Amino acid sequence: MPEAARPGGYDFARDAYFNRIGAVGSLTGKVEIRAPPSAPPYDLALNAAIDRARNALTRRIADVIGGQAGAVAAALVTGKRGLIDDDTNQILRGAGIYHIVSISGLHMVLAAGTFFWLARALLALSSFAALHWPCKKIAAVVAMIGATAYCVFSGSEVATERSLIMILVMLGAILIDRPALSLRNLALSALIVLAREPETILGPSFQMSYAAVAALIAAAEWDRARPGAEEPPTGYLARAGRWLRRAALGILFTTVVATIATAPFGTYHFQNLQPFGLIGNALALPLVSLAVMPCGVAGVLAYPFGLDRLSWSVMGYAVEKVLEVSAWVNGLSGSTVIVPAFGVGAVALLSVGLLLATLMASPLRWLALVPASLGLWLAATPKKFDVYVDRTGVGAAVRGTDGKLALIGRSSGFTAEQWLKADGDARRPSDPTLRSRARCDPRGCIATSFDGRVVALVQDRRALIEDCARAEILLTRLRAPPNCGAAVVIDGRFLAEHGATAIRLFGPTHQIETARTAAESRPWRRAPETVAHPPPRIEPSRLPRRRQTGPPEEAADPPLSSDEPG
């Protein structure tokens, strides 16, 4: 499994382990579907039947609505996002509303709320039921059943299951005559989630969802505690105007609160901010809440009877308007800002500030400004790395005299993108300026760091002695000879033990950080191979002189030598 591309970066192997993914790969031949040799287990057959139903409904929604509006609408209902193209994904991300296509807290709340409202409204049509039955509790039970069915039908992803637990706890509070929205209920749901999936506390989904809900509940409690509530108006127009004003202010206020609460975690994990996300959410969420999701629920209920076309048509129209709003917000200058990666200390202090602000019910909540201010200062002044080394040693990035990173070697586009985002660099890995300051030939590359140090990336063992003599930092996928004269040597043996490596340069000194340590043992990482004997010394007289070729861009991707590493 691929590991982290940089120290402190996203570790795909860890997430794959907890998601029970044993391996990843690709096929070059034709895929043939054959009948199984025996009947599948009951749970597998049930999951396959649910998935077939999801695919059928996805096709139905996409065919009725058409275009990318149909793809997004289908994703909102069934969780199948394969029909959404890259341009639409980028538009939604730039507008700060990509969360609407990932079925989680927002969708579960809207779905459960729709079921709750429909059940209670239908019961209220009967005077006998309204006077003799506990309509609110019955509606809560209906909402619990509907939310559970929606979770199962949408794929039961981890984030969806977590949101379902939160919804069930809060609806369950209604059954025992307790307030549904309270920090106690939120804490109870968090305990249940962590008892079931303790590893999720380190992921962005858990952190962002619970941070947003905690901040919203705390803000609602503060609002209820305000003295001097205004008298309700008497006229119909005045009441309608008051309702519209409160609804608009409510959407704006909740968007601001949720954005502030989730910003530290989103920035820490993804290194980007959407400054205009407030505008995008304020314009799109009313459509999602009042039109898209209610029509989705109505369409699912009408689908078995073949009466769902009208619901999908109305839903598609609303989704088209959401995409138009997203495209407009994404087109604004600076809609996405790349932020340099900051450390655990900054996000920990910001988390403490959030906890103090949400948990304190007295003026002591203002103490949150102390850790929050210190965390913002640390986040705004991160210590950047000056050299990045790929975990396989085939590529690197070096900070040049202009203060920006330059790529050398053959790192993958994903790895290069992770390095650039961590550095706060908005350039794409395909940008030609990233490879314009290195001298390369088929045996490796030479680059100069911002402080004048020579950095050599060696791909062929015949260049090792020459680069060991002239480079201050030697990077290679091979085994470096023991008599290498470079001040810093990162070779294949070191990378096998430590993974992706990064270096900070401080005057004459340096600091090396790695994605893992040699003694670190994790179930999702393969133990490094131990070498019984050191590599033999290579005499300079036996090596041919290395030739320099140019211009640099002609050899930006040098082929690997046929020599085996080590």
Protein backbone atom coordinates (compact mmCIF):
# COMPACT_ATOMS: atom_id res chain seq x y z
CA MET A 1 0.00 0.00 0.00
CA PRO A 2 1.25 3.55 -0.72
CA GLU A 3 2.46 5.34 2.39
CA ALA A 4 2.59 9.04 3.23
CA ALA A 5 4.17 11.24 0.54
CA ARG A 6 5.74 13.47 3.22
CA PRO A 7 6.26 13.44 6.98
CA GLY A 8 2.90 14.17 8.59
CA GLY A 9 1.04 13.70 5.31
CA TYR A 10 -1.95 11.57 4.41
CA ASP A 11 -1.20 7.88 4.93
CA PHE A 12 -3.25 5.87 2.47
CA ALA A 13 -1.98 2.57 3.92
CA ARG A 14 -3.37 3.41 7.36
CA ASP A 15 -6.83 4.30 6.06
CA ALA A 16 -6.87 1.24 3.79
CA TYR A 17 -6.07 -0.97 6.77
CA PHE A 18 -8.96 0.34 8.85
CA ASN A 19 -11.26 0.17 5.80
CA ARG A 20 -10.28 -3.51 5.41
CA ILE A 21 -8.62 -3.00 2.04
CA GLY A 22 -5.80 -5.51 1.70
CA ALA A 23 -4.30 -4.38 -1.61
CA VAL A 24 -4.79 -2.09 -4.57
CA GLY A 25 -3.84 -2.60 -8.20
CA SER A 26 -4.90 -2.33 -11.80
CA LEU A 27 -5.88 -4.70 -14.60
CA THR A 28 -4.55 -4.59 -18.14
CA GLY A 29 -6.75 -7.29 -19.65
CA LYS A 30 -10.46 -7.62 -20.25
CA VAL A 31 -12.67 -8.16 -17.22
CA GLU A 32 -14.85 -11.27 -17.45
CA ILE A 33 -17.89 -11.78 -15.23
CA ARG A 34 -18.45 -15.41 -14.31
CA ALA A 35 -20.95 -17.19 -12.11
CA PRO A 36 -19.65 -17.92 -8.61
CA PRO A 37 -18.68 -21.54 -7.92
CA SER A 38 -21.04 -21.60 -4.94
CA ALA A 39 -23.88 -19.54 -3.55
CA PRO A 40 -22.62 -16.37 -1.84
CA PRO A 41 -23.19 -15.85 1.89
CA TYR A 42 -26.41 -14.15 2.95
CA ASP A 43 -24.77 -10.86 3.88
CA LEU A 44 -22.86 -10.69 0.59
CA ALA A 45 -26.00 -11.47 -1.41
CA LEU A 46 -27.92 -8.79 0.50
CA ASN A 47 -25.20 -6.19 -0.10
CA ALA A 48 -25.10 -7.10 -3.80
CA ALA A 49 -28.89 -6.72 -4.06
CA ILE A 50 -28.74 -3.31 -2.37
CA ASP A 51 -25.95 -2.22 -4.71
CA ARG A 52 -27.94 -3.32 -7.77
CA ALA A 53 -30.90 -1.30 -6.53
CA ARG A 54 -28.64 1.71 -5.98
CA ASN A 55 -27.27 1.41 -9.51
CA ALA A 56 -30.77 1.15 -10.98
CA LEU A 57 -31.96 4.25 -9.10
CA THR A 58 -28.79 6.12 -10.05
CA ARG A 59 -29.44 5.42 -13.73
CA ARG A 60 -33.09 6.42 -13.34
CA ILE A 61 -32.25 9.80 -11.76
CA ALA A 62 -29.44 10.52 -14.21
CA ASP A 63 -31.60 9.66 -17.23
CA VAL A 64 -34.56 11.78 -16.10
CA ILE A 65 -32.52 14.87 -15.22
CA GLY A 66 -29.57 14.50 -17.57
CA GLY A 67 -26.18 16.20 -17.62
CA GLN A 68 -24.10 16.96 -14.56
CA ALA A 69 -27.21 18.05 -12.67
CA GLY A 70 -28.42 14.47 -12.97
CA ALA A 71 -25.04 13.13 -11.84
CA VAL A 72 -25.02 15.34 -8.74
CA ALA A 73 -28.68 14.59 -7.95
CA ALA A 74 -28.02 10.85 -8.18
CA ALA A 75 -25.02 11.20 -5.86
CA LEU A 76 -27.16 13.03 -3.31
CA VAL A 77 -29.68 10.18 -3.24
CA THR A 78 -27.65 7.00 -3.74
CA GLY A 79 -24.11 8.06 -2.85
CA LYS A 80 -22.82 7.02 -6.31
CA ARG A 81 -20.46 9.81 -7.41
CA GLY A 82 -18.88 8.12 -10.44
CA LEU A 83 -20.94 10.15 -12.94
CA ILE A 84 -19.67 13.52 -11.66
CA ASP A 85 -16.81 14.73 -13.85
CA ASP A 86 -13.62 16.45 -12.66
CA ASP A 87 -14.74 19.93 -13.74
CA THR A 88 -17.92 19.73 -11.66
CA ASN A 89 -15.96 18.44 -8.67
CA GLN A 90 -13.56 21.35 -8.97
CA ILE A 91 -16.42 23.85 -9.23
CA LEU A 92 -18.05 22.50 -6.08
CA ARG A 93 -14.73 22.53 -4.22
CA GLY A 94 -13.94 26.08 -5.27
CA ALA A 95 -17.35 27.23 -4.08
CA GLY A 96 -16.82 25.52 -0.71
CA ILE A 97 -19.88 23.28 -1.04
CA TYR A 98 -18.33 19.99 -2.11
CA HIS A 99 -19.63 18.55 1.15
CA ILE A 100 -23.12 18.36 -0.37
CA VAL A 101 -22.15 15.42 -2.62
CA SER A 102 -20.65 13.42 0.25
CA ILE A 103 -23.57 11.93 2.15
CA SER A 104 -22.94 12.74 5.80
CA GLY A 105 -24.42 14.95 8.51
CA LEU A 106 -26.19 17.50 6.31
CA HIS A 107 -27.99 14.88 4.23
CA MET A 108 -28.90 12.72 7.22
CA VAL A 109 -30.35 15.71 9.06
CA LEU A 110 -32.35 16.85 6.03
CA ALA A 111 -33.60 13.33 5.29
CA ALA A 112 -34.54 12.64 8.91
CA GLY A 113 -36.08 16.09 9.21
CA THR A 114 -38.18 15.52 6.10
CA PHE A 115 -39.46 12.18 7.41
CA PHE A 116 -40.12 13.74 10.83
CA TRP A 117 -42.05 16.69 9.37
CA LEU A 118 -44.07 14.56 6.95
CA ALA A 119 -45.08 12.06 9.63
CA ARG A 120 -46.04 14.75 12.12
CA ALA A 121 -47.95 16.77 9.50
CA LEU A 122 -49.91 13.73 8.35
CA LEU A 123 -50.79 12.79 11.94
CA ALA A 124 -51.93 16.35 12.61
CA LEU A 125 -54.56 16.00 9.85
CA SER A 126 -56.46 13.66 12.16
CA SER A 127 -58.03 15.35 15.17
CA PHE A 128 -58.17 12.04 17.05
CA ALA A 129 -54.46 11.37 16.46
CA ALA A 130 -53.50 14.93 17.31
CA LEU A 131 -55.42 14.83 20.61
CA HIS A 132 -54.78 11.26 21.78
CA TRP A 133 -51.54 10.01 20.23
CA PRO A 134 -47.95 11.15 20.96
CA CYS A 135 -47.48 12.48 17.43
CA LYS A 136 -44.03 13.91 18.07
CA LYS A 137 -42.67 10.60 19.35
CA ILE A 138 -44.30 8.66 16.52
CA ALA A 139 -42.72 11.08 14.03
CA ALA A 140 -39.35 10.56 15.75
CA VAL A 141 -39.65 6.79 15.30
CA VAL A 142 -40.56 7.25 11.62
CA ALA A 143 -37.58 9.57 11.18
CA MET A 144 -35.27 7.02 12.83
CA ILE A 145 -36.48 4.28 10.48
CA GLY A 146 -36.23 6.57 7.44
CA ALA A 147 -32.74 7.78 8.34
CA THR A 148 -31.54 4.20 8.86
CA ALA A 149 -32.96 3.14 5.49
CA TYR A 150 -31.33 6.14 3.80
CA CYS A 151 -27.98 5.27 5.39
CA VAL A 152 -28.17 1.65 4.20
CA PHE A 153 -29.32 2.57 0.69
CA SER A 154 -26.69 5.27 0.24
CA GLY A 155 -23.83 2.84 0.84
CA SER A 156 -23.34 2.98 4.63
CA GLU A 157 -20.03 4.79 4.42
CA VAL A 158 -18.19 5.58 7.64
CA ALA A 159 -19.21 9.24 7.65
CA THR A 160 -22.83 8.31 6.96
CA GLU A 161 -22.92 5.74 9.76
CA ARG A 162 -21.39 8.27 12.14
CA SER A 163 -24.06 10.80 11.24
CA LEU A 164 -26.75 8.15 11.66
CA ILE A 165 -25.59 7.42 15.20
CA MET A 166 -25.76 11.14 15.99
CA ILE A 167 -29.27 11.39 14.51
CA LEU A 168 -30.52 8.30 16.35
CA VAL A 169 -29.22 9.60 19.68
CA MET A 170 -30.93 12.96 19.20
CA LEU A 171 -34.21 11.45 17.99
CA GLY A 172 -34.04 8.98 20.85
CA ALA A 173 -33.88 11.92 23.24
CA ILE A 174 -37.32 12.97 21.97
CA LEU A 175 -38.71 9.55 22.91
CA ILE A 176 -37.65 10.03 26.53
CA ASP A 177 -38.73 13.69 26.66
CA ARG A 178 -35.24 15.17 26.55
CA PRO A 179 -33.99 18.08 24.41
CA ALA A 180 -32.82 16.70 21.08
CA LEU A 181 -30.13 19.30 20.41
CA SER A 182 -27.77 19.31 23.38
CA LEU A 183 -24.07 18.89 23.93
CA ARG A 184 -24.78 15.90 26.15
CA ASN A 185 -26.41 14.05 23.27
CA LEU A 186 -23.51 15.01 21.02
CA ALA A 187 -21.02 13.69 23.58
CA LEU A 188 -22.98 10.45 23.88
CA SER A 189 -22.93 9.92 20.12
CA ALA A 190 -19.19 10.66 20.06
CA LEU A 191 -18.57 8.04 22.74
CA ILE A 192 -20.57 5.47 20.75
CA VAL A 193 -18.65 6.28 17.55
CA LEU A 194 -15.26 6.12 19.26
CA ALA A 195 -16.10 2.87 21.02
CA ARG A 196 -16.97 1.41 17.62
CA GLU A 197 -14.28 3.09 15.49
CA PRO A 198 -11.59 4.65 17.72
CA GLU A 199 -9.31 5.33 14.75
CA THR A 200 -11.71 7.91 13.31
CA ILE A 201 -10.71 10.53 15.87
CA LEU A 202 -7.61 11.22 13.76
CA GLY A 203 -9.55 11.71 10.52
CA PRO A 204 -10.99 14.91 9.07
CA SER A 205 -14.54 13.55 8.81
CA PHE A 206 -14.96 12.97 12.57
CA GLN A 207 -13.18 16.18 13.54
CA MET A 208 -15.04 18.45 11.13
CA SER A 209 -18.52 16.98 11.67
CA TYR A 210 -18.38 17.04 15.47
CA ALA A 211 -16.71 20.44 15.54
CA ALA A 212 -19.46 21.92 13.36
CA VAL A 213 -22.32 20.35 15.35
CA ALA A 214 -20.79 21.31 18.71
CA ALA A 215 -20.35 24.91 17.59
CA LEU A 216 -23.90 25.10 16.21
CA ILE A 217 -25.45 23.65 19.39
CA ALA A 218 -23.43 26.01 21.57
CA ALA A 219 -24.41 28.99 19.40
CA ALA A 220 -28.09 27.99 19.60
CA GLU A 221 -27.88 27.75 23.40
CA TRP A 222 -26.25 31.19 23.60
CA ASP A 223 -28.99 32.61 21.35
CA ARG A 224 -31.75 31.14 23.53
CA ALA A 225 -30.14 32.62 26.63
CA ARG A 226 -30.26 36.17 25.26
CA PRO A 227 -32.67 38.39 27.23
CA GLY A 228 -35.29 40.68 25.74
CA ALA A 229 -36.85 38.64 22.96
CA GLU A 230 -38.88 40.77 20.55
CA GLU A 231 -42.67 40.58 20.47
CA PRO A 232 -44.01 38.60 17.50
CA PRO A 233 -45.82 40.71 14.87
CA THR A 234 -49.54 40.35 14.34
CA GLY A 235 -50.14 40.88 10.61
CA TYR A 236 -49.65 38.18 7.98
CA LEU A 237 -47.17 40.22 5.93
CA ALA A 238 -45.25 41.19 9.04
CA ARG A 239 -45.08 37.56 10.12
CA ALA A 240 -43.91 36.47 6.68
CA GLY A 241 -41.28 39.22 6.61
CA ARG A 242 -40.09 38.26 10.09
CA TRP A 243 -39.89 34.59 9.09
CA LEU A 244 -37.89 35.38 5.93
CA ARG A 245 -35.55 37.68 7.85
CA ARG A 246 -34.94 35.12 10.57
CA ALA A 247 -34.43 32.36 7.99
CA ALA A 248 -31.88 34.40 6.04
CA LEU A 249 -30.03 35.44 9.18
CA GLY A 250 -30.18 31.88 10.46
CA ILE A 251 -28.58 30.45 7.31
CA LEU A 252 -25.91 33.15 7.35
CA PHE A 253 -25.20 32.71 11.06
CA THR A 254 -25.03 28.91 10.98
CA THR A 255 -22.79 28.99 7.90
CA VAL A 256 -20.38 31.39 9.60
CA VAL A 257 -20.31 29.32 12.80
CA ALA A 258 -19.79 26.00 11.01
CA THR A 259 -17.13 27.47 8.71
CA ILE A 260 -15.12 28.91 11.62
CA ALA A 261 -15.40 25.65 13.59
CA THR A 262 -14.27 23.39 10.75
CA ALA A 263 -11.64 25.66 9.16
CA PRO A 264 -8.71 24.56 11.41
CA PHE A 265 -9.27 20.87 10.66
CA GLY A 266 -9.96 21.30 6.95
CA THR A 267 -6.86 23.45 6.53
CA TYR A 268 -4.70 21.05 8.53
CA HIS A 269 -5.71 18.00 6.48
CA PHE A 270 -6.16 19.50 3.00
CA GLN A 271 -3.99 22.67 2.99
CA ASN A 272 -6.59 24.83 1.30
CA LEU A 273 -9.21 27.40 2.16
CA GLN A 274 -12.26 28.61 0.26
CA PRO A 275 -12.65 32.27 1.31
CA PHE A 276 -15.93 32.57 -0.58
CA GLY A 277 -17.36 29.36 0.86
CA LEU A 278 -19.59 31.52 3.03
CA ILE A 279 -21.19 32.99 -0.10
CA GLY A 280 -21.48 29.60 -1.79
CA ASN A 281 -23.10 27.95 1.22
CA ALA A 282 -25.42 30.88 1.89
CA LEU A 283 -26.72 30.72 -1.70
CA ALA A 284 -26.75 26.95 -2.21
CA LEU A 285 -27.88 25.51 1.12
CA PRO A 286 -31.39 27.03 0.99
CA LEU A 287 -31.94 25.26 -2.32
CA VAL A 288 -30.52 22.01 -0.95
CA SER A 289 -32.57 22.21 2.26
CA LEU A 290 -35.90 23.40 0.86
CA ALA A 291 -35.98 21.81 -2.60
CA VAL A 292 -33.26 19.28 -3.38
CA MET A 293 -33.47 16.92 -0.41
CA PRO A 294 -37.29 17.03 0.07
CA CYS A 295 -37.71 16.22 -3.62
CA GLY A 296 -35.16 13.44 -3.23
CA VAL A 297 -37.14 11.88 -0.37
CA ALA A 298 -40.38 12.25 -2.31
CA GLY A 299 -38.81 10.70 -5.39
CA VAL A 300 -37.54 7.68 -3.47
CA LEU A 301 -40.99 7.12 -1.95
CA ALA A 302 -42.67 7.43 -5.36
CA TYR A 303 -40.04 5.41 -7.26
CA PRO A 304 -41.53 1.92 -6.58
CA PHE A 305 -44.86 3.11 -8.04
CA GLY A 306 -43.34 4.74 -11.14
CA LEU A 307 -44.53 8.20 -10.08
CA ASP A 308 -41.11 9.68 -9.43
CA ARG A 309 -40.41 11.63 -12.66
CA LEU A 310 -41.91 14.91 -11.41
CA SER A 311 -39.86 14.78 -8.20
CA TRP A 312 -36.62 14.18 -10.11
CA SER A 313 -37.43 16.97 -12.56
CA VAL A 314 -37.95 19.50 -9.78
CA MET A 315 -34.86 18.22 -7.97
CA GLY A 316 -32.80 18.52 -11.17
CA TYR A 317 -33.89 22.13 -11.67
CA ALA A 318 -32.81 22.98 -8.12
CA VAL A 319 -29.47 21.17 -8.58
CA GLU A 320 -28.85 23.10 -11.81
CA LYS A 321 -29.25 26.35 -9.87
CA VAL A 322 -26.84 25.05 -7.21
CA LEU A 323 -24.27 24.30 -9.93
CA GLU A 324 -24.77 27.75 -11.46
CA VAL A 325 -24.17 29.38 -8.09
CA SER A 326 -21.11 27.18 -7.56
CA ALA A 327 -19.68 28.06 -10.96
CA TRP A 328 -20.11 31.77 -10.25
CA VAL A 329 -18.43 31.55 -6.83
CA ASN A 330 -15.64 29.34 -8.19
CA GLY A 331 -14.99 31.91 -10.91
CA LEU A 332 -14.20 34.64 -8.39
CA SER A 333 -10.53 35.50 -8.07
CA GLY A 334 -8.97 33.72 -5.11
CA SER A 335 -11.81 31.24 -4.62
CA THR A 336 -9.27 28.62 -3.49
CA VAL A 337 -6.23 29.54 -1.41
CA ILE A 338 -3.44 27.02 -0.80
CA VAL A 339 -2.21 27.26 2.80
CA PRO A 340 1.18 25.88 3.94
CA ALA A 341 0.92 22.79 6.13
CA PHE A 342 1.18 23.52 9.84
CA GLY A 343 1.99 21.21 12.72
CA VAL A 344 -0.01 19.24 15.25
CA GLY A 345 0.65 21.88 17.92
CA ALA A 346 -1.31 24.52 16.03
CA VAL A 347 -4.36 22.35 15.40
CA ALA A 348 -4.26 21.11 19.02
CA LEU A 349 -4.36 24.67 20.36
CA LEU A 350 -7.17 25.60 17.99
CA SER A 351 -9.07 22.51 19.16
CA VAL A 352 -8.65 23.55 22.79
CA GLY A 353 -9.98 26.98 21.91
CA LEU A 354 -13.02 25.42 20.23
CA LEU A 355 -13.70 23.20 23.23
CA LEU A 356 -13.51 26.13 25.65
CA ALA A 357 -15.81 28.23 23.47
CA THR A 358 -18.45 25.50 23.13
CA LEU A 359 -18.38 23.85 26.56
CA MET A 360 -18.19 26.91 28.78
CA ALA A 361 -21.61 28.40 29.63
CA SER A 362 -20.25 31.45 31.50
CA PRO A 363 -18.01 34.37 30.49
CA LEU A 364 -15.12 31.93 30.99
CA ARG A 365 -15.69 31.01 27.36
CA TRP A 366 -13.64 34.09 26.44
CA LEU A 367 -10.59 32.17 27.68
CA ALA A 368 -10.81 30.37 24.33
CA LEU A 369 -9.16 33.40 22.72
CA VAL A 370 -5.83 32.53 24.39
CA PRO A 371 -5.17 29.08 22.85
CA ALA A 372 -6.97 30.06 19.64
CA SER A 373 -4.72 33.11 19.14
CA LEU A 374 -1.59 31.09 19.85
CA GLY A 375 -2.78 28.36 17.48
CA LEU A 376 -3.47 30.89 14.72
CA TRP A 377 0.00 32.35 15.19
CA LEU A 378 1.61 28.91 14.88
CA ALA A 379 -0.54 28.09 11.84
CA ALA A 380 0.40 31.40 10.18
CA THR A 381 4.15 30.85 10.74
CA PRO A 382 4.77 27.21 9.79
CA LYS A 383 8.26 25.79 9.50
CA LYS A 384 8.55 24.70 5.89
CA PHE A 385 10.78 21.93 4.61
CA ASP A 386 13.48 22.81 2.07
CA VAL A 387 14.04 19.35 0.58
CA TYR A 388 11.49 16.58 0.01
CA VAL A 389 12.50 13.04 -0.95
CA ASP A 390 10.13 10.49 -2.47
CA ARG A 391 9.72 7.33 -0.38
CA THR A 392 11.15 5.28 -3.27
CA GLY A 393 14.04 7.70 -3.94
CA VAL A 394 13.16 8.29 -7.59
CA GLY A 395 12.34 11.99 -7.16
CA ALA A 396 12.77 15.00 -4.91
CA ALA A 397 11.91 18.68 -4.52
CA VAL A 398 14.45 21.36 -3.58
CA ARG A 399 13.83 24.96 -2.53
CA GLY A 400 15.71 27.20 -4.94
CA THR A 401 17.10 30.73 -4.68
CA ASP A 402 13.67 32.17 -5.55
CA GLY A 403 12.19 30.57 -2.42
CA LYS A 404 10.06 28.08 -4.38
CA LEU A 405 10.34 24.34 -4.76
CA ALA A 406 11.84 22.80 -7.89
CA LEU A 407 11.18 19.19 -8.89
CA ILE A 408 13.91 16.76 -9.89
CA GLY A 409 13.61 13.13 -10.88
CA ARG A 410 10.49 11.12 -11.56
CA SER A 411 8.10 11.61 -8.66
CA SER A 412 4.45 10.87 -9.35
CA GLY A 413 2.03 13.72 -9.90
CA PHE A 414 0.22 12.89 -6.64
CA THR A 415 3.44 13.02 -4.60
CA ALA A 416 4.53 16.29 -6.21
CA GLU A 417 1.10 17.78 -5.57
CA GLN A 418 1.36 16.85 -1.88
CA TRP A 419 4.75 18.57 -1.62
CA LEU A 420 3.53 21.71 -3.34
CA LYS A 421 0.37 21.99 -1.26
CA ALA A 422 2.33 21.51 1.96
CA ASP A 423 4.56 24.37 0.85
CA GLY A 424 1.60 26.63 0.08
CA ASP A 425 2.41 26.52 -3.64
CA ALA A 426 -0.62 26.62 -5.95
CA ARG A 427 1.28 25.40 -9.04
CA ARG A 428 0.30 22.12 -10.64
CA PRO A 429 2.89 19.32 -10.96
CA SER A 430 2.76 19.79 -14.74
CA ASP A 431 3.91 23.42 -14.50
CA PRO A 432 7.13 23.70 -16.59
CA THR A 433 8.67 26.20 -14.16
CA LEU A 434 8.99 23.42 -11.59
CA ARG A 435 11.75 21.73 -13.63
CA SER A 436 13.56 24.72 -15.06
CA ARG A 437 16.33 25.07 -12.45
CA ALA A 438 17.89 21.57 -12.40
CA ARG A 439 20.66 20.06 -14.53
CA CYS A 440 19.82 16.50 -15.47
CA ASP A 441 21.25 13.66 -17.50
CA PRO A 442 20.28 9.97 -17.67
CA ARG A 443 22.28 9.25 -14.49
CA GLY A 444 20.58 11.81 -12.25
CA CYS A 445 20.08 15.50 -11.48
CA ILE A 446 21.92 18.34 -9.80
CA ALA A 447 20.14 21.28 -8.13
CA THR A 448 21.22 24.17 -5.93
CA SER A 449 19.29 25.02 -2.78
CA PHE A 450 18.39 28.54 -1.67
CA ASP A 451 21.51 28.72 0.55
CA GLY A 452 23.89 27.49 -2.15
CA ARG A 453 24.13 23.81 -1.18
CA VAL A 454 24.50 21.32 -4.01
CA VAL A 455 21.80 18.64 -3.99
CA ALA A 456 22.34 15.53 -6.14
CA LEU A 457 19.69 12.97 -7.06
CA VAL A 458 21.49 9.85 -8.34
CA GLN A 459 19.72 7.25 -10.48
CA ASP A 460 22.77 5.33 -11.76
CA ARG A 461 25.49 3.88 -9.52
CA ARG A 462 28.18 5.07 -11.93
CA ALA A 463 27.48 8.64 -10.80
CA LEU A 464 27.67 7.91 -7.07
CA ILE A 465 31.34 8.66 -6.43
CA GLU A 466 31.37 11.87 -8.46
CA ASP A 467 28.25 13.22 -6.75
CA CYS A 468 29.43 12.05 -3.32
CA ALA A 469 32.50 14.21 -3.83
CA ARG A 470 30.79 17.40 -4.96
CA ALA A 471 27.29 17.33 -3.41
CA GLU A 472 26.47 18.35 0.14
CA ILE A 473 23.13 16.49 0.04
CA LEU A 474 23.00 13.18 -1.82
CA LEU A 475 19.66 11.52 -2.58
CA THR A 476 19.40 8.14 -4.26
CA ARG A 477 17.26 5.03 -4.52
CA LEU A 478 20.49 2.99 -4.58
CA ARG A 479 22.81 2.00 -1.74
CA ALA A 480 25.34 4.78 -1.18
CA PRO A 481 28.97 3.67 -0.66
CA PRO A 482 30.25 3.94 2.94
CA ASN A 483 32.98 6.38 1.87
CA CYS A 484 30.49 8.91 0.43
CA GLY A 485 31.67 12.43 1.34
CA ALA A 486 28.29 14.18 1.24
CA ALA A 487 27.21 15.80 4.51
CA VAL A 488 23.69 14.34 4.18
CA VAL A 489 23.09 10.96 2.54
CA ILE A 490 19.53 9.69 1.98
CA ASP A 491 19.86 6.37 0.15
CA GLY A 492 17.69 3.36 -0.57
CA ARG A 493 18.46 1.67 2.73
CA PHE A 494 17.49 4.79 4.70
CA LEU A 495 14.26 5.24 2.73
CA ALA A 496 13.31 1.58 3.20
CA GLU A 497 13.52 2.08 6.96
CA HIS A 498 12.07 5.60 7.25
CA GLY A 499 9.83 6.18 4.22
CA ALA A 500 9.32 9.65 2.74
CA THR A 501 11.86 12.12 4.10
CA ALA A 502 12.05 15.91 4.36
CA ILE A 503 14.91 18.21 5.36
CA ARG A 504 15.00 21.71 6.85
CA LEU A 505 18.14 23.75 6.28
CA PHE A 506 19.31 26.11 9.05
CA GLY A 507 22.50 27.91 8.11
CA PRO A 508 25.26 25.29 8.36
CA THR A 509 23.00 22.76 10.08
CA HIS A 510 19.98 20.75 9.03
CA GLN A 511 17.02 18.84 10.49
CA ILE A 512 15.70 15.59 9.02
CA GLU A 513 12.14 14.37 9.55
CA THR A 514 10.73 11.11 8.24
CA ALA A 515 7.29 9.60 7.72
CA ARG A 516 8.17 6.78 10.12
CA THR A 517 11.04 5.55 12.25
CA ALA A 518 13.10 2.41 11.76
CA ALA A 519 11.79 0.86 15.00
CA GLU A 520 8.17 1.83 14.36
CA SER A 521 5.83 -1.12 13.92
CA ARG A 522 2.36 -0.72 12.46
CA PRO A 523 0.05 -3.42 11.08
CA TRP A 524 -0.50 -1.48 7.85
CA ARG A 525 3.23 -1.15 7.08
CA ARG A 526 5.55 -3.82 5.80
CA ALA A 527 8.67 -4.19 7.90
CA PRO A 528 11.79 -2.96 6.08
CA GLU A 529 14.11 -5.60 4.78
CA THR A 530 17.27 -5.98 6.80
CA VAL A 531 20.62 -6.14 5.03
CA ALA A 532 23.20 -8.49 6.52
CA HIS A 533 26.26 -7.03 4.77
CA PRO A 534 27.15 -3.40 3.96
CA PRO A 535 27.55 -2.39 0.32
CA PRO A 536 31.06 -2.75 -1.11
CA ARG A 537 33.26 0.28 -1.59
CA ILE A 538 33.35 1.61 -5.13
CA GLU A 539 36.68 3.02 -6.25
CA PRO A 540 36.51 6.26 -8.23
CA SER A 541 39.02 4.95 -10.77
CA ARG A 542 36.57 2.29 -11.88
CA LEU A 543 33.82 4.79 -12.68
CA PRO A 544 33.55 6.67 -16.00
CA ARG A 545 33.31 10.45 -15.88
CA ARG A 546 29.74 11.74 -15.80
CA ARG A 547 28.54 13.85 -18.68
CA GLN A 548 26.30 16.91 -18.25
CA THR A 549 23.69 17.46 -20.92
CA GLY A 550 21.25 20.25 -21.54
CA PRO A 551 19.04 22.02 -21.70
CA PRO A 552 17.61 20.77 -18.38
CA GLU A 553 14.09 20.23 -19.58
CA GLU A 554 15.24 17.72 -22.21
CA ALA A 555 16.12 15.26 -19.46
CA ALA A 556 13.50 16.18 -16.91
CA ASP A 557 12.43 12.54 -16.64
CA PRO A 558 15.64 10.49 -16.86
CA PRO A 559 15.16 6.76 -17.37
CA LEU A 560 16.13 4.53 -14.51
CA SER A 561 19.32 2.52 -14.87
CA SER A 562 19.06 -1.19 -15.43
CA ASP A 563 21.19 -1.67 -12.32
CA GLU A 564 19.28 -3.10 -9.39
CA PRO A 565 19.19 -0.88 -6.29
CA GLY A 566 21.59 -1.91 -3.57
